[in-house]
Amino acid sequence: MSVNKHLPHVLVLPEDDANRQIANGFLLDHSVRSRMIQILPVARGWPAVRDSFQHMYNQYMQQYQVCLMVLLIDFDGRGAERLDNVLSSVEDSIRDRVFVLGTSLEPEKLKASLGSYERIGKALARECADGKETTWSHPLLKHNDDERTRMMPRIKPILFG
């Protein structure tokens, strides 16, 4: 489903199919205003997320000031280094509207621990709506705390009204 570009909305750019499935699970939570969020096609790797953002979405976000963007990547154990690398593609003027989240290793390990990707996505959405942090506190997601803290005041009014 496509969002109305002229209303506040969120775009999600997933690195791979596992991240796409988690994002789709997020949309399945009944509290999410699904008309305000769009999952983009899989980028096929974190470098492709960075490059796609640099070549396509910097311009889009400058044109549509009401857009927020979530980049879903696997950090592959490289934490701050990977975050800095991905954020290097984001222009300073829109940095406050771009958020990079993902598992500290790969989503398959999170799935083995918590269940299906759909279930994980729904749990993350529920916790965003409720302000809880059970799933977000999982060791493979805990490193997202700073980005999530920065993101929630911006995204919650759009997605959870």
N, C-alpha and C. Protein backbone atom coordinates (compact mmCIF):
# COMPACT_ATOMS: atom_id res chain seq x y z
N MET A 1 0.84 -1.17 0.00
CA MET A 1 0.00 0.00 0.00
C MET A 1 0.89 1.24 0.00
N SER A 2 0.48 2.24 -0.73
CA SER A 2 1.22 3.49 -0.82
C SER A 2 0.65 4.49 0.17
N VAL A 3 1.53 5.32 0.70
CA VAL A 3 1.11 6.35 1.65
C VAL A 3 0.79 7.64 0.90
N ASN A 4 0.08 8.54 1.55
CA ASN A 4 -0.14 9.87 1.01
C ASN A 4 1.10 10.69 1.34
N LYS A 5 1.86 11.06 0.33
CA LYS A 5 3.14 11.75 0.52
C LYS A 5 3.00 13.12 1.16
N HIS A 6 1.79 13.66 1.14
CA HIS A 6 1.58 15.00 1.67
C HIS A 6 1.13 15.01 3.13
N LEU A 7 0.90 13.82 3.68
CA LEU A 7 0.57 13.68 5.09
C LEU A 7 1.76 13.06 5.81
N PRO A 8 1.88 13.28 7.12
CA PRO A 8 2.98 12.63 7.85
C PRO A 8 2.94 11.12 7.62
N HIS A 9 4.10 10.55 7.29
CA HIS A 9 4.17 9.12 6.99
C HIS A 9 5.57 8.60 7.28
N VAL A 10 5.66 7.27 7.30
CA VAL A 10 6.91 6.58 7.59
C VAL A 10 7.20 5.62 6.45
N LEU A 11 8.43 5.67 5.96
CA LEU A 11 8.90 4.69 4.98
C LEU A 11 9.89 3.78 5.68
N VAL A 12 9.84 2.50 5.35
CA VAL A 12 10.76 1.52 5.93
C VAL A 12 11.51 0.85 4.80
N LEU A 13 12.84 0.93 4.85
CA LEU A 13 13.69 0.31 3.84
C LEU A 13 14.42 -0.86 4.48
N PRO A 14 13.98 -2.09 4.21
CA PRO A 14 14.62 -3.27 4.81
C PRO A 14 15.81 -3.76 3.99
N GLU A 15 16.82 -4.21 4.69
CA GLU A 15 18.01 -4.76 4.05
C GLU A 15 17.72 -6.06 3.32
N ASP A 16 16.93 -6.94 3.94
CA ASP A 16 16.73 -8.27 3.39
C ASP A 16 15.32 -8.76 3.71
N ASP A 17 15.02 -9.95 3.27
CA ASP A 17 13.67 -10.47 3.44
C ASP A 17 13.31 -10.70 4.91
N ALA A 18 14.26 -11.09 5.72
CA ALA A 18 13.97 -11.29 7.15
C ALA A 18 13.52 -9.97 7.78
N ASN A 19 14.22 -8.88 7.48
CA ASN A 19 13.84 -7.57 8.01
C ASN A 19 12.49 -7.12 7.45
N ARG A 20 12.23 -7.46 6.19
CA ARG A 20 10.93 -7.14 5.59
C ARG A 20 9.82 -7.85 6.33
N GLN A 21 10.04 -9.11 6.67
CA GLN A 21 9.02 -9.88 7.38
C GLN A 21 8.77 -9.30 8.78
N ILE A 22 9.82 -8.87 9.45
CA ILE A 22 9.64 -8.23 10.76
C ILE A 22 8.81 -6.95 10.60
N ALA A 23 9.14 -6.15 9.58
CA ALA A 23 8.38 -4.91 9.33
C ALA A 23 6.92 -5.24 9.01
N ASN A 24 6.68 -6.27 8.22
CA ASN A 24 5.30 -6.66 7.91
C ASN A 24 4.57 -7.12 9.17
N GLY A 25 5.26 -7.82 10.06
CA GLY A 25 4.67 -8.20 11.33
C GLY A 25 4.28 -6.98 12.15
N PHE A 26 5.12 -5.96 12.13
CA PHE A 26 4.85 -4.69 12.81
C PHE A 26 3.50 -4.12 12.34
N LEU A 27 3.27 -4.19 11.04
CA LEU A 27 2.03 -3.66 10.46
C LEU A 27 0.79 -4.43 10.91
N LEU A 28 0.98 -5.67 11.33
CA LEU A 28 -0.16 -6.52 11.70
C LEU A 28 -0.72 -6.20 13.09
N ASP A 29 0.02 -5.45 13.88
CA ASP A 29 -0.53 -5.09 15.20
C ASP A 29 -1.71 -4.15 14.99
N HIS A 30 -2.79 -4.41 15.69
CA HIS A 30 -4.03 -3.65 15.49
C HIS A 30 -3.90 -2.17 15.82
N SER A 31 -2.91 -1.78 16.60
CA SER A 31 -2.78 -0.38 16.99
C SER A 31 -2.04 0.47 15.95
N VAL A 32 -1.42 -0.16 14.96
CA VAL A 32 -0.65 0.57 13.95
C VAL A 32 -1.59 1.14 12.88
N ARG A 33 -1.43 2.42 12.61
CA ARG A 33 -2.19 3.07 11.54
C ARG A 33 -1.49 2.74 10.22
N SER A 34 -1.88 1.63 9.61
CA SER A 34 -1.15 1.07 8.47
C SER A 34 -1.18 1.95 7.22
N ARG A 35 -2.07 2.88 7.15
CA ARG A 35 -2.10 3.78 5.99
C ARG A 35 -1.02 4.87 6.08
N MET A 36 -0.34 4.91 7.21
CA MET A 36 0.68 5.94 7.42
C MET A 36 2.11 5.39 7.28
N ILE A 37 2.23 4.12 6.92
CA ILE A 37 3.54 3.49 6.83
C ILE A 37 3.61 2.64 5.56
N GLN A 38 4.76 2.67 4.92
CA GLN A 38 4.96 1.87 3.72
C GLN A 38 6.28 1.13 3.82
N ILE A 39 6.22 -0.17 3.60
CA ILE A 39 7.43 -0.99 3.55
C ILE A 39 7.92 -0.99 2.10
N LEU A 40 9.11 -0.53 1.89
CA LEU A 40 9.69 -0.47 0.55
C LEU A 40 10.26 -1.82 0.15
N PRO A 41 10.53 -2.03 -1.13
CA PRO A 41 11.14 -3.30 -1.55
C PRO A 41 12.50 -3.52 -0.88
N VAL A 42 12.84 -4.76 -0.68
CA VAL A 42 14.10 -5.16 -0.06
C VAL A 42 15.27 -4.58 -0.85
N ALA A 43 16.25 -4.03 -0.13
CA ALA A 43 17.40 -3.39 -0.77
C ALA A 43 18.47 -4.40 -1.19
N ARG A 44 18.53 -5.53 -0.53
CA ARG A 44 19.51 -6.60 -0.79
C ARG A 44 20.90 -6.26 -0.26
N GLY A 45 20.95 -6.05 1.04
CA GLY A 45 22.21 -5.81 1.72
C GLY A 45 22.29 -4.42 2.33
N TRP A 46 23.04 -4.31 3.44
CA TRP A 46 23.13 -3.00 4.08
C TRP A 46 23.83 -1.97 3.20
N PRO A 47 24.84 -2.33 2.39
CA PRO A 47 25.41 -1.30 1.51
C PRO A 47 24.37 -0.77 0.50
N ALA A 48 23.45 -1.64 0.08
CA ALA A 48 22.39 -1.21 -0.84
C ALA A 48 21.40 -0.29 -0.14
N VAL A 49 21.15 -0.51 1.16
CA VAL A 49 20.31 0.40 1.94
C VAL A 49 20.97 1.78 1.94
N ARG A 50 22.24 1.81 2.28
CA ARG A 50 22.99 3.08 2.32
C ARG A 50 22.97 3.78 0.96
N ASP A 51 23.27 3.02 -0.09
CA ASP A 51 23.36 3.61 -1.42
C ASP A 51 21.99 4.05 -1.95
N SER A 52 20.95 3.24 -1.71
CA SER A 52 19.60 3.63 -2.12
C SER A 52 19.18 4.91 -1.43
N PHE A 53 19.48 4.97 -0.15
CA PHE A 53 19.11 6.19 0.57
C PHE A 53 19.82 7.39 -0.03
N GLN A 54 21.11 7.25 -0.24
CA GLN A 54 21.90 8.37 -0.75
C GLN A 54 21.40 8.84 -2.12
N HIS A 55 21.08 7.91 -3.00
CA HIS A 55 20.75 8.28 -4.37
C HIS A 55 19.27 8.57 -4.60
N MET A 56 18.39 8.09 -3.73
CA MET A 56 16.96 8.28 -3.96
C MET A 56 16.24 9.01 -2.83
N TYR A 57 16.52 8.64 -1.60
CA TYR A 57 15.67 9.10 -0.51
C TYR A 57 16.10 10.40 0.15
N ASN A 58 17.35 10.81 0.01
CA ASN A 58 17.73 12.15 0.47
C ASN A 58 16.86 13.19 -0.21
N GLN A 59 16.75 13.08 -1.51
CA GLN A 59 15.95 14.02 -2.30
C GLN A 59 14.46 13.92 -1.95
N TYR A 60 13.96 12.69 -1.85
CA TYR A 60 12.55 12.48 -1.50
C TYR A 60 12.23 13.16 -0.16
N MET A 61 13.08 12.94 0.82
CA MET A 61 12.81 13.48 2.15
C MET A 61 12.94 15.00 2.21
N GLN A 62 13.75 15.56 1.37
CA GLN A 62 13.82 17.02 1.30
C GLN A 62 12.55 17.58 0.66
N GLN A 63 12.03 16.86 -0.29
CA GLN A 63 10.80 17.28 -0.96
C GLN A 63 9.58 17.10 -0.06
N TYR A 64 9.55 16.00 0.69
CA TYR A 64 8.40 15.69 1.56
C TYR A 64 8.85 15.78 3.01
N GLN A 65 8.73 16.96 3.57
CA GLN A 65 9.20 17.24 4.92
C GLN A 65 8.44 16.49 6.01
N VAL A 66 7.31 15.88 5.66
CA VAL A 66 6.50 15.14 6.63
C VAL A 66 6.86 13.66 6.67
N CYS A 67 7.89 13.28 5.94
CA CYS A 67 8.30 11.88 5.88
C CYS A 67 9.36 11.57 6.93
N LEU A 68 9.19 10.43 7.59
CA LEU A 68 10.22 9.85 8.44
C LEU A 68 10.65 8.55 7.78
N MET A 69 11.89 8.14 8.02
CA MET A 69 12.37 6.92 7.38
C MET A 69 13.09 6.04 8.38
N VAL A 70 12.79 4.75 8.33
CA VAL A 70 13.45 3.75 9.14
C VAL A 70 14.23 2.84 8.20
N LEU A 71 15.53 2.72 8.44
CA LEU A 71 16.38 1.83 7.68
C LEU A 71 16.63 0.60 8.54
N LEU A 72 16.18 -0.56 8.07
CA LEU A 72 16.30 -1.81 8.83
C LEU A 72 17.48 -2.60 8.29
N ILE A 73 18.50 -2.76 9.12
CA ILE A 73 19.70 -3.47 8.67
C ILE A 73 20.13 -4.51 9.70
N ASP A 74 20.99 -5.41 9.27
CA ASP A 74 21.67 -6.32 10.19
C ASP A 74 23.00 -5.64 10.54
N PHE A 75 23.28 -5.49 11.82
CA PHE A 75 24.53 -4.84 12.23
C PHE A 75 25.72 -5.79 12.17
N ASP A 76 25.45 -7.08 12.06
CA ASP A 76 26.51 -8.09 11.88
C ASP A 76 27.66 -7.95 12.87
N GLY A 77 27.33 -7.58 14.11
CA GLY A 77 28.35 -7.46 15.15
C GLY A 77 29.24 -6.23 15.02
N ARG A 78 28.87 -5.29 14.16
CA ARG A 78 29.72 -4.13 13.91
C ARG A 78 29.12 -2.82 14.42
N GLY A 79 28.07 -2.89 15.22
CA GLY A 79 27.44 -1.79 15.92
C GLY A 79 27.65 -0.39 15.39
N ALA A 80 28.40 0.42 16.15
CA ALA A 80 28.58 1.84 15.85
C ALA A 80 29.23 2.06 14.49
N GLU A 81 30.13 1.19 14.12
CA GLU A 81 30.80 1.31 12.80
C GLU A 81 29.78 1.20 11.67
N ARG A 82 28.89 0.22 11.76
CA ARG A 82 27.86 0.02 10.73
C ARG A 82 26.88 1.18 10.75
N LEU A 83 26.47 1.62 11.93
CA LEU A 83 25.55 2.75 12.05
C LEU A 83 26.16 3.98 11.39
N ASP A 84 27.39 4.30 11.71
CA ASP A 84 28.06 5.47 11.12
C ASP A 84 28.16 5.34 9.61
N ASN A 85 28.46 4.15 9.13
CA ASN A 85 28.59 3.93 7.70
C ASN A 85 27.26 4.20 6.99
N VAL A 86 26.18 3.67 7.53
CA VAL A 86 24.87 3.88 6.91
C VAL A 86 24.47 5.35 7.00
N LEU A 87 24.69 5.96 8.14
CA LEU A 87 24.30 7.36 8.32
C LEU A 87 25.15 8.32 7.47
N SER A 88 26.29 7.86 6.99
CA SER A 88 27.12 8.73 6.14
C SER A 88 26.39 9.10 4.85
N SER A 89 25.35 8.36 4.48
CA SER A 89 24.59 8.65 3.27
C SER A 89 23.46 9.64 3.50
N VAL A 90 23.21 10.00 4.75
CA VAL A 90 22.07 10.85 5.10
C VAL A 90 22.54 12.30 5.21
N GLU A 91 21.91 13.17 4.46
CA GLU A 91 22.25 14.59 4.51
C GLU A 91 21.88 15.16 5.88
N ASP A 92 22.71 16.07 6.37
CA ASP A 92 22.53 16.65 7.70
C ASP A 92 21.15 17.27 7.89
N SER A 93 20.60 17.88 6.85
CA SER A 93 19.33 18.59 6.97
C SER A 93 18.14 17.67 7.27
N ILE A 94 18.31 16.38 7.05
CA ILE A 94 17.19 15.45 7.30
C ILE A 94 17.55 14.39 8.34
N ARG A 95 18.72 14.47 8.91
CA ARG A 95 19.23 13.45 9.84
C ARG A 95 18.26 13.18 10.99
N ASP A 96 17.57 14.20 11.46
CA ASP A 96 16.66 14.02 12.59
C ASP A 96 15.40 13.23 12.23
N ARG A 97 15.21 12.93 10.93
CA ARG A 97 14.03 12.17 10.49
C ARG A 97 14.38 10.79 9.96
N VAL A 98 15.64 10.39 10.12
CA VAL A 98 16.09 9.08 9.63
C VAL A 98 16.60 8.26 10.81
N PHE A 99 16.14 7.01 10.89
CA PHE A 99 16.46 6.14 12.02
C PHE A 99 16.97 4.80 11.49
N VAL A 100 18.03 4.31 12.09
CA VAL A 100 18.62 3.04 11.67
C VAL A 100 18.45 2.03 12.80
N LEU A 101 17.73 0.97 12.52
CA LEU A 101 17.45 -0.07 13.51
C LEU A 101 17.77 -1.44 12.93
N GLY A 102 17.93 -2.41 13.80
CA GLY A 102 18.12 -3.78 13.35
C GLY A 102 18.72 -4.65 14.44
N THR A 103 18.94 -5.89 14.09
CA THR A 103 19.53 -6.83 15.04
C THR A 103 21.04 -6.63 15.11
N SER A 104 21.62 -6.89 16.27
CA SER A 104 23.06 -6.71 16.43
C SER A 104 23.84 -7.73 15.61
N LEU A 105 23.24 -8.86 15.34
CA LEU A 105 23.85 -9.87 14.47
C LEU A 105 22.95 -10.01 13.25
N GLU A 106 22.28 -11.13 13.08
CA GLU A 106 21.33 -11.28 11.99
C GLU A 106 19.97 -11.70 12.55
N PRO A 107 18.89 -11.36 11.83
CA PRO A 107 17.54 -11.63 12.33
C PRO A 107 17.27 -13.11 12.60
N GLU A 108 17.95 -14.01 11.92
CA GLU A 108 17.72 -15.44 12.11
C GLU A 108 17.97 -15.85 13.57
N LYS A 109 18.94 -15.23 14.22
CA LYS A 109 19.22 -15.53 15.63
C LYS A 109 18.09 -15.02 16.52
N LEU A 110 17.52 -13.89 16.17
CA LEU A 110 16.39 -13.35 16.93
C LEU A 110 15.17 -14.26 16.75
N LYS A 111 14.96 -14.73 15.55
CA LYS A 111 13.85 -15.64 15.27
C LYS A 111 14.00 -16.93 16.08
N ALA A 112 15.20 -17.46 16.16
CA ALA A 112 15.44 -18.68 16.93
C ALA A 112 15.12 -18.47 18.41
N SER A 113 15.31 -17.25 18.89
CA SER A 113 15.07 -16.93 20.30
C SER A 113 13.62 -16.57 20.60
N LEU A 114 12.96 -15.83 19.68
CA LEU A 114 11.65 -15.25 19.99
C LEU A 114 10.47 -15.78 19.17
N GLY A 115 10.75 -16.56 18.16
CA GLY A 115 9.65 -17.06 17.32
C GLY A 115 9.67 -16.42 15.94
N SER A 116 8.56 -16.50 15.24
CA SER A 116 8.49 -16.05 13.85
C SER A 116 8.78 -14.55 13.72
N TYR A 117 9.20 -14.16 12.55
CA TYR A 117 9.45 -12.74 12.27
C TYR A 117 8.17 -11.93 12.46
N GLU A 118 7.05 -12.49 12.02
CA GLU A 118 5.76 -11.82 12.18
C GLU A 118 5.47 -11.55 13.66
N ARG A 119 5.69 -12.56 14.48
CA ARG A 119 5.46 -12.42 15.92
C ARG A 119 6.39 -11.35 16.52
N ILE A 120 7.64 -11.34 16.10
CA ILE A 120 8.60 -10.34 16.58
C ILE A 120 8.13 -8.94 16.20
N GLY A 121 7.75 -8.76 14.93
CA GLY A 121 7.29 -7.45 14.47
C GLY A 121 6.07 -6.96 15.23
N LYS A 122 5.10 -7.87 15.44
CA LYS A 122 3.90 -7.49 16.19
C LYS A 122 4.25 -7.10 17.62
N ALA A 123 5.16 -7.83 18.25
CA ALA A 123 5.56 -7.52 19.62
C ALA A 123 6.25 -6.16 19.69
N LEU A 124 7.10 -5.86 18.72
CA LEU A 124 7.78 -4.57 18.70
C LEU A 124 6.78 -3.42 18.53
N ALA A 125 5.79 -3.62 17.67
CA ALA A 125 4.75 -2.59 17.48
C ALA A 125 3.96 -2.39 18.76
N ARG A 126 3.56 -3.49 19.39
CA ARG A 126 2.78 -3.40 20.63
C ARG A 126 3.55 -2.62 21.69
N GLU A 127 4.84 -2.89 21.80
CA GLU A 127 5.67 -2.21 22.79
C GLU A 127 5.86 -0.73 22.44
N CYS A 128 5.91 -0.41 21.17
CA CYS A 128 5.99 1.01 20.78
C CYS A 128 4.71 1.73 21.20
N ALA A 129 3.59 1.09 21.00
CA ALA A 129 2.31 1.69 21.36
C ALA A 129 2.16 1.82 22.87
N ASP A 130 2.60 0.79 23.61
CA ASP A 130 2.41 0.75 25.06
C ASP A 130 3.54 1.39 25.85
N GLY A 131 4.66 1.67 25.20
CA GLY A 131 5.81 2.22 25.91
C GLY A 131 6.58 1.18 26.70
N LYS A 132 6.36 -0.10 26.40
CA LYS A 132 7.08 -1.16 27.10
C LYS A 132 8.35 -1.52 26.32
N GLU A 133 9.21 -2.32 26.95
CA GLU A 133 10.49 -2.62 26.32
C GLU A 133 10.92 -4.08 26.49
N THR A 134 10.01 -5.00 26.58
CA THR A 134 10.38 -6.39 26.79
C THR A 134 11.15 -6.96 25.59
N THR A 135 10.56 -6.91 24.41
CA THR A 135 11.22 -7.42 23.21
C THR A 135 12.38 -6.51 22.82
N TRP A 136 12.18 -5.21 22.92
CA TRP A 136 13.24 -4.25 22.59
C TRP A 136 14.47 -4.44 23.49
N SER A 137 14.29 -5.03 24.67
CA SER A 137 15.41 -5.24 25.60
C SER A 137 16.16 -6.54 25.33
N HIS A 138 15.73 -7.32 24.35
CA HIS A 138 16.43 -8.55 23.99
C HIS A 138 17.88 -8.20 23.65
N PRO A 139 18.84 -9.05 24.03
CA PRO A 139 20.25 -8.76 23.75
C PRO A 139 20.58 -8.45 22.28
N LEU A 140 19.81 -9.01 21.36
CA LEU A 140 20.06 -8.75 19.94
C LEU A 140 19.43 -7.45 19.45
N LEU A 141 18.61 -6.80 20.30
CA LEU A 141 17.95 -5.54 19.94
C LEU A 141 18.32 -4.38 20.86
N LYS A 142 18.88 -4.67 21.99
CA LYS A 142 19.16 -3.66 23.02
C LYS A 142 20.01 -2.50 22.49
N HIS A 143 20.91 -2.78 21.56
CA HIS A 143 21.78 -1.73 21.01
C HIS A 143 21.00 -0.62 20.29
N ASN A 144 19.71 -0.86 20.00
CA ASN A 144 18.86 0.13 19.33
C ASN A 144 18.33 1.21 20.27
N ASP A 145 18.64 1.14 21.55
CA ASP A 145 18.03 2.04 22.53
C ASP A 145 18.15 3.52 22.16
N ASP A 146 19.32 3.98 21.77
CA ASP A 146 19.49 5.40 21.47
C ASP A 146 18.65 5.81 20.26
N GLU A 147 18.70 5.02 19.20
CA GLU A 147 17.91 5.34 18.00
C GLU A 147 16.42 5.26 18.31
N ARG A 148 16.01 4.25 19.06
CA ARG A 148 14.59 4.09 19.39
C ARG A 148 14.10 5.25 20.26
N THR A 149 14.92 5.65 21.22
CA THR A 149 14.57 6.79 22.08
C THR A 149 14.41 8.06 21.26
N ARG A 150 15.27 8.24 20.30
CA ARG A 150 15.22 9.41 19.42
C ARG A 150 14.02 9.33 18.47
N MET A 151 13.68 8.12 18.03
CA MET A 151 12.62 7.90 17.05
C MET A 151 11.21 8.01 17.63
N MET A 152 10.99 7.45 18.79
CA MET A 152 9.62 7.28 19.30
C MET A 152 8.80 8.58 19.39
N PRO A 153 9.35 9.69 19.88
CA PRO A 153 8.52 10.90 19.93
C PRO A 153 8.07 11.37 18.54
N ARG A 154 8.82 11.03 17.51
CA ARG A 154 8.48 11.46 16.15
C ARG A 154 7.50 10.48 15.50
N ILE A 155 7.70 9.19 15.71
CA ILE A 155 6.92 8.18 15.00
C ILE A 155 5.60 7.85 15.71
N LYS A 156 5.61 7.88 17.01
CA LYS A 156 4.40 7.47 17.74
C LYS A 156 3.15 8.26 17.35
N PRO A 157 3.21 9.59 17.23
CA PRO A 157 1.99 10.31 16.83
C PRO A 157 1.49 9.96 15.42
N ILE A 158 2.41 9.56 14.55
CA ILE A 158 2.02 9.21 13.18
C ILE A 158 1.42 7.82 13.12
N LEU A 159 2.09 6.86 13.72
CA LEU A 159 1.68 5.47 13.57
C LEU A 159 0.67 5.00 14.61
N PHE A 160 0.64 5.65 15.75
CA PHE A 160 -0.22 5.17 16.83
C PHE A 160 -1.24 6.21 17.26
N GLY A 161 -1.25 7.35 16.59
CA GLY A 161 -2.24 8.41 16.79
C GLY A 161 -2.51 8.71 18.21
